[in-house]
PDB file of N, CA and C in Angstrom:
ATOM      1  N   MET A   1       0.799  -1.208   0.058  1.00  0.00           N
ATOM      2  CA  MET A   1       0.023   0.063  -0.107  1.00  0.00           C
ATOM      3  C   MET A   1       0.892   1.101   0.068  1.00  0.00           C
ATOM      4  N   PRO A   2       0.451   2.241  -0.681  1.00  0.00           N
ATOM      5  CA  PRO A   2       1.313   3.318  -0.848  1.00  0.00           C
ATOM      6  C   PRO A   2       1.458   4.413   0.360  1.00  0.00           C
ATOM      7  N   LEU A   3       0.522   4.367   1.503  1.00  0.00           N
ATOM      8  CA  LEU A   3       0.509   5.307   2.514  1.00  0.00           C
ATOM      9  C   LEU A   3       1.884   4.917   3.287  1.00  0.00           C
ATOM     10  N   ASN A   4       2.932   5.850   3.111  1.00  0.00           N
ATOM     11  CA  ASN A   4       4.157   5.844   3.635  1.00  0.00           C
ATOM     12  C   ASN A   4       4.901   4.699   3.294  1.00  0.00           C
ATOM     13  N   ASP A   5       4.577   4.145   1.894  1.00  0.00           N
ATOM     14  CA  ASP A   5       4.993   3.050   1.427  1.00  0.00           C
ATOM     15  C   ASP A   5       4.991   1.757   2.259  1.00  0.00           C
ATOM     16  N   TYR A   6       3.677   1.730   2.878  1.00  0.00           N
ATOM     17  CA  TYR A   6       3.310   0.769   3.799  1.00  0.00           C
ATOM     18  C   TYR A   6       3.355  -0.575   3.135  1.00  0.00           C
ATOM     19  N   GLN A   7       4.029  -1.578   3.849  1.00  0.00           N
ATOM     20  CA  GLN A   7       4.118  -2.934   3.599  1.00  0.00           C
ATOM     21  C   GLN A   7       3.854  -3.698   4.802  1.00  0.00           C
ATOM     22  N   GLY A   8       2.965  -4.515   4.771  1.00  0.00           N
ATOM     23  CA  GLY A   8       2.595  -5.297   5.973  1.00  0.00           C
ATOM     24  C   GLY A   8       1.235  -5.937   5.936  1.00  0.00           C
ATOM     25  N   PRO A   9       0.635  -6.361   6.874  1.00  0.00           N
ATOM     26  CA  PRO A   9      -0.607  -7.021   6.955  1.00  0.00           C
ATOM     27  C   PRO A   9      -1.642  -5.883   6.479  1.00  0.00           C
ATOM     28  N   PRO A  10      -2.889  -6.295   5.740  1.00  0.00           N
ATOM     29  CA  PRO A  10      -3.674  -5.259   5.417  1.00  0.00           C
ATOM     30  C   PRO A  10      -4.495  -4.657   6.650  1.00  0.00           C
ATOM     31  N   GLN A  11      -4.541  -3.474   6.562  1.00  0.00           N
ATOM     32  CA  GLN A  11      -5.433  -2.538   7.612  1.00  0.00           C
ATOM     33  C   GLN A  11      -6.455  -1.699   6.956  1.00  0.00           C
ATOM     34  N   ARG A  12      -7.629  -1.820   7.456  1.00  0.00           N
ATOM     35  CA  ARG A  12      -8.689  -1.081   6.947  1.00  0.00           C
ATOM     36  C   ARG A  12      -8.393   0.367   6.746  1.00  0.00           C
ATOM     37  N   ASP A  13      -7.880   0.907   7.922  1.00  0.00           N
ATOM     38  CA  ASP A  13      -7.655   2.338   7.838  1.00  0.00           C
ATOM     39  C   ASP A  13      -6.492   2.734   6.829  1.00  0.00           C
ATOM     40  N   VAL A  14      -5.560   1.886   6.619  1.00  0.00           N
ATOM     41  CA  VAL A  14      -4.607   2.108   5.748  1.00  0.00           C
ATOM     42  C   VAL A  14      -5.172   2.144   4.335  1.00  0.00           C
ATOM     43  N   ILE A  15      -6.108   1.342   3.944  1.00  0.00           N
ATOM     44  CA  ILE A  15      -6.682   1.225   2.579  1.00  0.00           C
ATOM     45  C   ILE A  15      -7.540   2.524   2.541  1.00  0.00           C
ATOM     46  N   LEU A  16      -8.262   2.807   3.455  1.00  0.00           N
ATOM     47  CA  LEU A  16      -9.146   4.034   3.322  1.00  0.00           C
ATOM     48  C   LEU A  16      -8.499   5.141   3.131  1.00  0.00           C
ATOM     49  N   GLN A  17      -7.345   5.391   3.775  1.00  0.00           N
ATOM     50  CA  GLN A  17      -6.523   6.532   3.542  1.00  0.00           C
ATOM     51  C   GLN A  17      -5.590   6.637   2.419  1.00  0.00           C
ATOM     52  N   SER A  18      -5.170   5.422   1.954  1.00  0.00           N
ATOM     53  CA  SER A  18      -4.338   5.309   0.792  1.00  0.00           C
ATOM     54  C   SER A  18      -5.036   5.447  -0.596  1.00  0.00           C
ATOM     55  N   ILE A  19      -6.044   4.737  -0.833  1.00  0.00           N
ATOM     56  CA  ILE A  19      -6.886   4.632  -2.099  1.00  0.00           C
ATOM     57  C   ILE A  19      -7.253   5.996  -2.680  1.00  0.00           C
ATOM     58  N   PRO A  20      -7.857   6.873  -2.020  1.00  0.00           N
ATOM     59  CA  PRO A  20      -8.169   8.173  -2.456  1.00  0.00           C
ATOM     60  C   PRO A  20      -7.034   9.026  -2.933  1.00  0.00           C
ATOM     61  N   ASN A  21      -5.904   8.723  -2.315  1.00  0.00           N
ATOM     62  CA  ASN A  21      -4.596   9.493  -2.685  1.00  0.00           C
ATOM     63  C   ASN A  21      -3.544   8.955  -3.654  1.00  0.00           C
ATOM     64  N   LEU A  22      -3.851   7.860  -4.176  1.00  0.00           N
ATOM     65  CA  LEU A  22      -2.891   7.273  -4.999  1.00  0.00           C
ATOM     66  C   LEU A  22      -2.125   7.988  -6.045  1.00  0.00           C
ATOM     67  N   ARG A  23      -3.090   8.910  -6.553  1.00  0.00           N
ATOM     68  CA  ARG A  23      -2.434   9.864  -7.873  1.00  0.00           C
ATOM     69  C   ARG A  23      -1.438  10.839  -7.327  1.00  0.00           C
ATOM     70  N   ASN A  24      -1.335  10.995  -5.939  1.00  0.00           N
ATOM     71  CA  ASN A  24      -0.479  11.984  -5.564  1.00  0.00           C
ATOM     72  C   ASN A  24       0.878  11.254  -5.083  1.00  0.00           C
ATOM     73  N   HIS A  25       0.999  10.135  -5.674  1.00  0.00           N
ATOM     74  CA  HIS A  25       2.449   9.445  -5.431  1.00  0.00           C
ATOM     75  C   HIS A  25       3.008   9.265  -6.789  1.00  0.00           C
ATOM     76  N   GLY A  26       4.415   9.071  -6.771  1.00  0.00           N
ATOM     77  CA  GLY A  26       5.097   8.745  -8.021  1.00  0.00           C
ATOM     78  C   GLY A  26       4.628   7.506  -8.685  1.00  0.00           C
ATOM     79  N   ASP A  27       4.337   6.512  -8.005  1.00  0.00           N
ATOM     80  CA  ASP A  27       3.748   5.357  -8.423  1.00  0.00           C
ATOM     81  C   ASP A  27       2.422   5.171  -7.892  1.00  0.00           C
ATOM     82  N   PRO A  28       1.400   5.449  -8.607  1.00  0.00           N
ATOM     83  CA  PRO A  28      -0.131   5.717  -8.279  1.00  0.00           C
ATOM     84  C   PRO A  28      -0.750   4.185  -8.074  1.00  0.00           C
ATOM     85  N   PHE A  29      -0.044   3.143  -7.769  1.00  0.00           N
ATOM     86  CA  PHE A  29      -0.632   1.740  -7.587  1.00  0.00           C
ATOM     87  C   PHE A  29      -0.729   1.577  -6.174  1.00  0.00           C
ATOM     88  N   ALA A  30      -1.829   0.750  -5.920  1.00  0.00           N
ATOM     89  CA  ALA A  30      -1.839  -0.064  -4.491  1.00  0.00           C
ATOM     90  C   ALA A  30      -2.127  -1.597  -4.825  1.00  0.00           C
ATOM     91  N   ILE A  31      -1.270  -2.476  -4.241  1.00  0.00           N
ATOM     92  CA  ILE A  31      -1.334  -3.767  -4.682  1.00  0.00           C
ATOM     93  C   ILE A  31      -1.583  -4.718  -3.306  1.00  0.00           C
ATOM     94  N   LEU A  32      -2.452  -5.514  -3.309  1.00  0.00           N
ATOM     95  CA  LEU A  32      -2.725  -6.470  -2.204  1.00  0.00           C
ATOM     96  C   LEU A  32      -2.114  -7.768  -2.807  1.00  0.00           C
ATOM     97  N   ASP A  33      -1.221  -8.210  -2.457  1.00  0.00           N
ATOM     98  CA  ASP A  33      -0.451  -9.585  -3.094  1.00  0.00           C
ATOM     99  C   ASP A  33      -0.558 -10.647  -1.968  1.00  0.00           C
ATOM    100  N   VAL A  34      -1.249 -11.686  -2.421  1.00  0.00           N
ATOM    101  CA  VAL A  34      -1.524 -12.842  -1.568  1.00  0.00           C
ATOM    102  C   VAL A  34      -0.408 -13.959  -1.714  1.00  0.00           C
ATOM    103  N   GLY A  35       0.439 -13.766  -2.844  1.00  0.00           N
ATOM    104  CA  GLY A  35       1.570 -14.731  -3.103  1.00  0.00           C
ATOM    105  C   GLY A  35       1.084 -15.606  -4.236  1.00  0.00           C
ATOM    106  N   GLY A  36       2.195 -16.103  -4.665  1.00  0.00           N
ATOM    107  CA  GLY A  36       1.897 -17.132  -5.912  1.00  0.00           C
ATOM    108  C   GLY A  36       1.223 -16.584  -7.137  1.00  0.00           C
ATOM    109  N   GLY A  37       1.432 -15.442  -7.330  1.00  0.00           N
ATOM    110  CA  GLY A  37       1.062 -14.663  -8.551  1.00  0.00           C
ATOM    111  C   GLY A  37      -0.437 -14.179  -8.454  1.00  0.00           C
ATOM    112  N   THR A  38      -1.041 -14.178  -7.252  1.00  0.00           N
ATOM    113  CA  THR A  38      -2.398 -13.818  -7.240  1.00  0.00           C
ATOM    114  C   THR A  38      -2.485 -12.516  -6.307  1.00  0.00           C
ATOM    115  N   TYR A  39      -3.115 -11.453  -6.875  1.00  0.00           N
ATOM    116  CA  TYR A  39      -3.274 -10.188  -6.209  1.00  0.00           C
ATOM    117  C   TYR A  39      -4.401  -9.376  -6.750  1.00  0.00           C
ATOM    118  N   LEU A  40      -4.704  -8.345  -6.134  1.00  0.00           N
ATOM    119  CA  LEU A  40      -5.624  -7.162  -6.506  1.00  0.00           C
ATOM    120  C   LEU A  40      -4.800  -6.057  -6.515  1.00  0.00           C
ATOM    121  N   GLN A  41      -5.072  -5.174  -7.630  1.00  0.00           N
ATOM    122  CA  GLN A  41      -4.302  -3.851  -7.881  1.00  0.00           C
ATOM    123  C   GLN A  41      -5.178  -2.853  -8.386  1.00  0.00           C
ATOM    124  N   ALA A  42      -4.838  -1.754  -7.897  1.00  0.00           N
ATOM    125  CA  ALA A  42      -5.594  -0.469  -8.498  1.00  0.00           C
ATOM    126  C   ALA A  42      -4.523   0.628  -8.822  1.00  0.00           C
ATOM    127  N   LEU A  43      -5.050   1.209  -9.868  1.00  0.00           N
ATOM    128  CA  LEU A  43      -4.133   2.514 -10.584  1.00  0.00           C
ATOM    129  C   LEU A  43      -5.148   3.635 -10.417  1.00  0.00           C
ATOM    130  N   GLN A  44      -4.670   4.728  -9.806  1.00  0.00           N
ATOM    131  CA  GLN A  44      -5.588   5.889 -10.019  1.00  0.00           C
ATOM    132  C   GLN A  44      -5.052   6.885 -11.112  1.00  0.00           C
ATOM    133  N   TYR A  45      -5.815   7.228 -12.018  1.00  0.00           N
ATOM    134  CA  TYR A  45      -5.356   8.315 -12.921  1.00  0.00           C
ATOM    135  C   TYR A  45      -5.236   9.581 -12.312  1.00  0.00           C
ATOM    136  N   GLN A  46      -4.825  10.554 -13.088  1.00  0.00           N
ATOM    137  CA  GLN A  46      -4.741  11.976 -12.448  1.00  0.00           C
ATOM    138  C   GLN A  46      -6.046  12.676 -12.504  1.00  0.00           C
ATOM    139  N   ASN A  47      -7.107  12.032 -13.329  1.00  0.00           N
ATOM    140  CA  ASN A  47      -8.396  12.782 -13.204  1.00  0.00           C
ATOM    141  C   ASN A  47      -9.258  12.022 -12.088  1.00  0.00           C
ATOM    142  N   GLY A  48      -8.662  11.119 -11.349  1.00  0.00           N
ATOM    143  CA  GLY A  48      -9.285  10.602 -10.034  1.00  0.00           C
ATOM    144  C   GLY A  48     -10.070   9.205 -10.358  1.00  0.00           C
ATOM    145  N   THR A  49     -10.018   8.768 -11.639  1.00  0.00           N
ATOM    146  CA  THR A  49     -10.758   7.453 -11.863  1.00  0.00           C
ATOM    147  C   THR A  49      -9.682   6.422 -11.703  1.00  0.00           C
ATOM    148  N   TYR A  50     -10.112   5.097 -11.618  1.00  0.00           N
ATOM    149  CA  TYR A  50      -9.106   4.036 -11.285  1.00  0.00           C
ATOM    150  C   TYR A  50      -9.314   3.007 -12.387  1.00  0.00           C
ATOM    151  N   ARG A  51      -8.204   2.233 -12.508  1.00  0.00           N
ATOM    152  CA  ARG A  51      -8.307   0.864 -13.188  1.00  0.00           C
ATOM    153  C   ARG A  51      -8.074  -0.178 -12.074  1.00  0.00           C
ATOM    154  N   LEU A  52      -8.941  -1.114 -12.002  1.00  0.00           N
ATOM    155  CA  LEU A  52      -8.824  -2.072 -11.073  1.00  0.00           C
ATOM    156  C   LEU A  52      -8.616  -3.415 -11.678  1.00  0.00           C
ATOM    157  N   GLU A  53      -7.753  -4.318 -11.191  1.00  0.00           N
ATOM    158  CA  GLU A  53      -7.497  -5.604 -11.787  1.00  0.00           C
ATOM    159  C   GLU A  53      -7.172  -6.624 -10.689  1.00  0.00           C
ATOM    160  N   TYR A  54      -7.380  -7.885 -10.935  1.00  0.00           N
ATOM    161  CA  TYR A  54      -6.925  -8.962 -10.385  1.00  0.00           C
ATOM    162  C   TYR A  54      -6.447 -10.070 -11.064  1.00  0.00           C
ATOM    163  N   GLN A  55      -5.376 -10.784 -10.616  1.00  0.00           N
ATOM    164  CA  GLN A  55      -4.846 -11.972 -11.155  1.00  0.00           C
ATOM    165  C   GLN A  55      -4.907 -13.193 -10.285  1.00  0.00           C
ATOM    166  N   LEU A  56      -5.239 -14.297 -10.891  1.00  0.00           N
ATOM    167  CA  LEU A  56      -5.211 -15.568 -10.069  1.00  0.00           C
ATOM    168  C   LEU A  56      -4.052 -16.420 -10.676  1.00  0.00           C
ATOM    169  N   VAL A  57      -2.951 -16.535  -9.921  1.00  0.00           N
ATOM    170  CA  VAL A  57      -1.859 -17.444 -10.342  1.00  0.00           C
ATOM    171  C   VAL A  57      -0.993 -16.928 -11.510  1.00  0.00           C
ATOM    172  N   THR A  58      -1.697 -16.879 -12.429  1.00  0.00           N
ATOM    173  CA  THR A  58      -1.050 -16.735 -13.899  1.00  0.00           C
ATOM    174  C   THR A  58      -1.564 -15.504 -14.679  1.00  0.00           C
ATOM    175  N   THR A  59      -0.812 -14.826 -15.549  1.00  0.00           N
ATOM    176  CA  THR A  59      -1.312 -13.866 -16.676  1.00  0.00           C
ATOM    177  C   THR A  59      -2.523 -14.378 -17.406  1.00  0.00           C
ATOM    178  N   LYS A  60      -2.532 -15.689 -17.590  1.00  0.00           N
ATOM    179  CA  LYS A  60      -3.742 -16.347 -18.281  1.00  0.00           C
ATOM    180  C   LYS A  60      -5.088 -15.866 -17.569  1.00  0.00           C
ATOM    181  N   PHE A  61      -5.044 -15.646 -16.257  1.00  0.00           N
ATOM    182  CA  PHE A  61      -6.179 -15.519 -15.645  1.00  0.00           C
ATOM    183  C   PHE A  61      -6.172 -14.010 -14.868  1.00  0.00           C
ATOM    184  N   HIS A  62      -5.970 -12.946 -15.848  1.00  0.00           N
ATOM    185  CA  HIS A  62      -5.849 -11.474 -15.381  1.00  0.00           C
ATOM    186  C   HIS A  62      -7.009 -10.950 -15.755  1.00  0.00           C
ATOM    187  N   TYR A  63      -7.784 -10.208 -14.919  1.00  0.00           N
ATOM    188  CA  TYR A  63      -9.073  -9.572 -15.184  1.00  0.00           C
ATOM    189  C   TYR A  63      -9.009  -8.024 -14.749  1.00  0.00           C
ATOM    190  N   ARG A  64      -9.823  -7.222 -15.380  1.00  0.00           N
ATOM    191  CA  ARG A  64     -10.011  -5.846 -15.176  1.00  0.00           C
ATOM    192  C   ARG A  64     -11.477  -5.496 -15.030  1.00  0.00           C
ATOM    193  N   ALA A  65     -11.881  -4.599 -13.983  1.00  0.00           N
ATOM    194  CA  ALA A  65     -13.197  -4.264 -13.843  1.00  0.00           C
ATOM    195  C   ALA A  65     -13.590  -3.479 -14.950  1.00  0.00           C
ATOM    196  N   LEU A  66     -14.806  -3.624 -15.430  1.00  0.00           N
ATOM    197  CA  LEU A  66     -15.334  -2.887 -16.415  1.00  0.00           C
ATOM    198  C   LEU A  66     -15.997  -1.539 -16.006  1.00  0.00           C
ATOM    199  N   GLY A  67     -15.966  -0.646 -16.915  1.00  0.00           N
ATOM    200  CA  GLY A  67     -16.608   0.645 -16.642  1.00  0.00           C
ATOM    201  C   GLY A  67     -15.719   1.619 -15.786  1.00  0.00           C
ATOM    202  N   GLU A  68     -16.262   2.767 -15.473  1.00  0.00           N
ATOM    203  CA  GLU A  68     -15.634   3.708 -14.438  1.00  0.00           C
ATOM    204  C   GLU A  68     -15.799   3.225 -13.098  1.00  0.00           C
ATOM    205  N   VAL A  69     -14.535   3.002 -12.460  1.00  0.00           N
ATOM    206  CA  VAL A  69     -14.602   2.625 -11.072  1.00  0.00           C
ATOM    207  C   VAL A  69     -14.335   3.765 -10.078  1.00  0.00           C
ATOM    208  N   ASN A  70     -15.046   3.800  -9.064  1.00  0.00           N
ATOM    209  CA  ASN A  70     -14.839   5.109  -8.257  1.00  0.00           C
ATOM    210  C   ASN A  70     -14.170   4.778  -7.064  1.00  0.00           C
ATOM    211  N   THR A  71     -13.864   5.671  -6.155  1.00  0.00           N
ATOM    212  CA  THR A  71     -12.997   5.536  -4.912  1.00  0.00           C
ATOM    213  C   THR A  71     -13.681   4.544  -3.998  1.00  0.00           C
ATOM    214  N   GLY A  72     -15.024   4.815  -3.841  1.00  0.00           N
ATOM    215  CA  GLY A  72     -15.825   3.770  -2.944  1.00  0.00           C
ATOM    216  C   GLY A  72     -15.750   2.359  -3.273  1.00  0.00           C
ATOM    217  N   GLN A  73     -15.761   2.267  -4.688  1.00  0.00           N
ATOM    218  CA  GLN A  73     -15.665   0.617  -5.074  1.00  0.00           C
ATOM    219  C   GLN A  73     -14.485  -0.035  -4.797  1.00  0.00           C
ATOM    220  N   VAL A  74     -13.288   0.916  -5.332  1.00  0.00           N
ATOM    221  CA  VAL A  74     -12.049   0.431  -5.086  1.00  0.00           C
ATOM    222  C   VAL A  74     -11.673   0.136  -3.620  1.00  0.00           C
ATOM    223  N   CYS A  75     -12.050   1.028  -2.742  1.00  0.00           N
ATOM    224  CA  CYS A  75     -11.996   0.739  -1.118  1.00  0.00           C
ATOM    225  C   CYS A  75     -12.572  -0.319  -0.767  1.00  0.00           C
ATOM    226  N   ASP A  76     -13.915  -0.465  -1.214  1.00  0.00           N
ATOM    227  CA  ASP A  76     -14.804  -1.761  -0.841  1.00  0.00           C
ATOM    228  C   ASP A  76     -14.153  -3.063  -1.392  1.00  0.00           C
ATOM    229  N   ALA A  77     -13.607  -3.019  -2.580  1.00  0.00           N
ATOM    230  CA  ALA A  77     -12.946  -4.277  -3.073  1.00  0.00           C
ATOM    231  C   ALA A  77     -11.600  -4.666  -2.279  1.00  0.00           C
ATOM    232  N   PHE A  78     -10.837  -3.473  -2.065  1.00  0.00           N
ATOM    233  CA  PHE A  78      -9.749  -3.843  -1.271  1.00  0.00           C
ATOM    234  C   PHE A  78      -9.894  -4.338   0.110  1.00  0.00           C
ATOM    235  N   ILE A  79     -10.973  -3.804   0.753  1.00  0.00           N
ATOM    236  CA  ILE A  79     -11.240  -4.209   2.091  1.00  0.00           C
ATOM    237  C   ILE A  79     -11.687  -5.730   1.968  1.00  0.00           C
ATOM    238  N   SER A  80     -12.672  -5.906   1.099  1.00  0.00           N
ATOM    239  CA  SER A  80     -13.183  -7.330   0.882  1.00  0.00           C
ATOM    240  C   SER A  80     -12.188  -8.376   0.646  1.00  0.00           C
ATOM    241  N   TYR A  81     -11.227  -8.007  -0.359  1.00  0.00           N
ATOM    242  CA  TYR A  81     -10.170  -8.854  -0.741  1.00  0.00           C
ATOM    243  C   TYR A  81      -9.205  -9.017   0.442  1.00  0.00           C
ATOM    244  N   ALA A  82      -8.752  -7.915   0.996  1.00  0.00           N
ATOM    245  CA  ALA A  82      -7.791  -8.203   2.181  1.00  0.00           C
ATOM    246  C   ALA A  82      -8.225  -9.105   3.262  1.00  0.00           C
ATOM    247  N   PHE A  83      -9.608  -9.100   3.608  1.00  0.00           N
ATOM    248  CA  PHE A  83      -9.926  -9.943   4.665  1.00  0.00           C
ATOM    249  C   PHE A  83     -10.583 -11.013   4.203  1.00  0.00           C
ATOM    250  N   GLY A  84     -10.312 -11.684   3.094  1.00  0.00           N
ATOM    251  CA  GLY A  84     -10.844 -12.990   2.624  1.00  0.00           C
ATOM    252  C   GLY A  84     -12.439 -13.030   2.398  1.00  0.00           C
ATOM    253  N   LYS A  85     -12.860 -12.053   2.119  1.00  0.00           N
ATOM    254  CA  LYS A  85     -14.278 -11.871   1.744  1.00  0.00           C
ATOM    255  C   LYS A  85     -14.420 -11.939   0.120  1.00  0.00           C
ATOM    256  N   TYR A  86     -15.555 -12.177  -0.405  1.00  0.00           N
ATOM    257  CA  TYR A  86     -15.682 -12.251  -1.907  1.00  0.00           C
ATOM    258  C   TYR A  86     -16.681 -11.321  -2.574  1.00  0.00           C
ATOM    259  N   GLU A  87     -17.049 -10.265  -1.821  1.00  0.00           N
ATOM    260  CA  GLU A  87     -17.869  -9.285  -2.449  1.00  0.00           C
ATOM    261  C   GLU A  87     -17.165  -8.676  -3.624  1.00  0.00           C
ATOM    262  N   TRP A  88     -16.000  -8.352  -3.589  1.00  0.00           N
ATOM    263  CA  TRP A  88     -15.222  -7.807  -4.514  1.00  0.00           C
ATOM    264  C   TRP A  88     -15.316  -8.397  -6.016  1.00  0.00           C
ATOM    265  N   ALA A  89     -15.512  -9.824  -5.996  1.00  0.00           N
ATOM    266  CA  ALA A  89     -15.683 -10.570  -7.121  1.00  0.00           C
ATOM    267  C   ALA A  89     -17.104 -10.559  -7.611  1.00  0.00           C
ATOM    268  N   PHE A  90     -18.143 -10.041  -7.062  1.00  0.00           N
ATOM    269  CA  PHE A  90     -19.396 -10.196  -7.425  1.00  0.00           C
ATOM    270  C   PHE A  90     -20.011  -8.732  -7.614  1.00  0.00           C
ATOM    271  N   ASP A  91     -19.526  -7.742  -6.800  1.00  0.00           N
ATOM    272  CA  ASP A  91     -19.861  -6.272  -6.919  1.00  0.00           C
ATOM    273  C   ASP A  91     -19.580  -5.605  -8.271  1.00  0.00           C
ATOM    274  N   LEU A  92     -18.545  -6.078  -8.940  1.00  0.00           N
ATOM    275  CA  LEU A  92     -18.158  -5.522 -10.169  1.00  0.00           C
ATOM    276  C   LEU A  92     -18.153  -6.466 -11.267  1.00  0.00           C
ATOM    277  N   THR A  93     -18.297  -5.900 -12.300  1.00  0.00           N
ATOM    278  CA  THR A  93     -18.166  -6.802 -13.690  1.00  0.00           C
ATOM    279  C   THR A  93     -16.815  -7.005 -14.180  1.00  0.00           C
ATOM    280  N   TRP A  94     -16.150  -8.178 -14.346  1.00  0.00           N
ATOM    281  CA  TRP A  94     -14.931  -8.204 -14.610  1.00  0.00           C
ATOM    282  C   TRP A  94     -14.720  -8.769 -16.183  1.00  0.00           C
ATOM    283  N   GLU A  95     -13.681  -8.463 -16.842  1.00  0.00           N
ATOM    284  CA  GLU A  95     -13.420  -8.996 -18.294  1.00  0.00           C
ATOM    285  C   GLU A  95     -11.936  -9.470 -18.048  1.00  0.00           C
ATOM    286  N   ARG A  96     -11.774 -10.602 -18.790  1.00  0.00           N
ATOM    287  CA  ARG A  96     -10.361 -11.095 -18.935  1.00  0.00           C
ATOM    288  C   ARG A  96      -9.364 -10.327 -19.699  1.00  0.00           C
ATOM    289  N   VAL A  97      -8.102 -10.113 -19.375  1.00  0.00           N
ATOM    290  CA  VAL A  97      -7.258  -9.333 -20.134  1.00  0.00           C
ATOM    291  C   VAL A  97      -6.175 -10.166 -20.650  1.00  0.00           C
ATOM    292  N   GLU A  98      -5.900  -9.977 -21.935  1.00  0.00           N
ATOM    293  CA  GLU A  98      -4.717 -10.699 -22.486  1.00  0.00           C
ATOM    294  C   GLU A  98      -3.294  -9.903 -22.113  1.00  0.00           C
ATOM    295  N   LEU A  99      -2.522 -10.440 -21.494  1.00  0.00           N
ATOM    296  CA  LEU A  99      -1.272  -9.788 -21.095  1.00  0.00           C
ATOM    297  C   LEU A  99      -0.057 -10.428 -21.808  1.00  0.00           C
TER     298      LEU A  99
END
């Protein structure tokens, strides 16, 4: 997570403070990596919108959320993913991406 280059166990407060401000960092990404090539990541563009993606083990299973994704949706997805819930997978529409 980008808050003070935070690296450690997921914390709800860190997610809520970091996601809205990604574009203010040189590297405007937030990544929750569970290991083995599986992760959720967000990129915030300068206009405040996001690209939200996840990957399961390999680039063959890399997905992107469709449509314009807002701060609330990204925060909700990160919190859900971070704490082993699955709302993130069902609350958004995902498309497979060729990498």
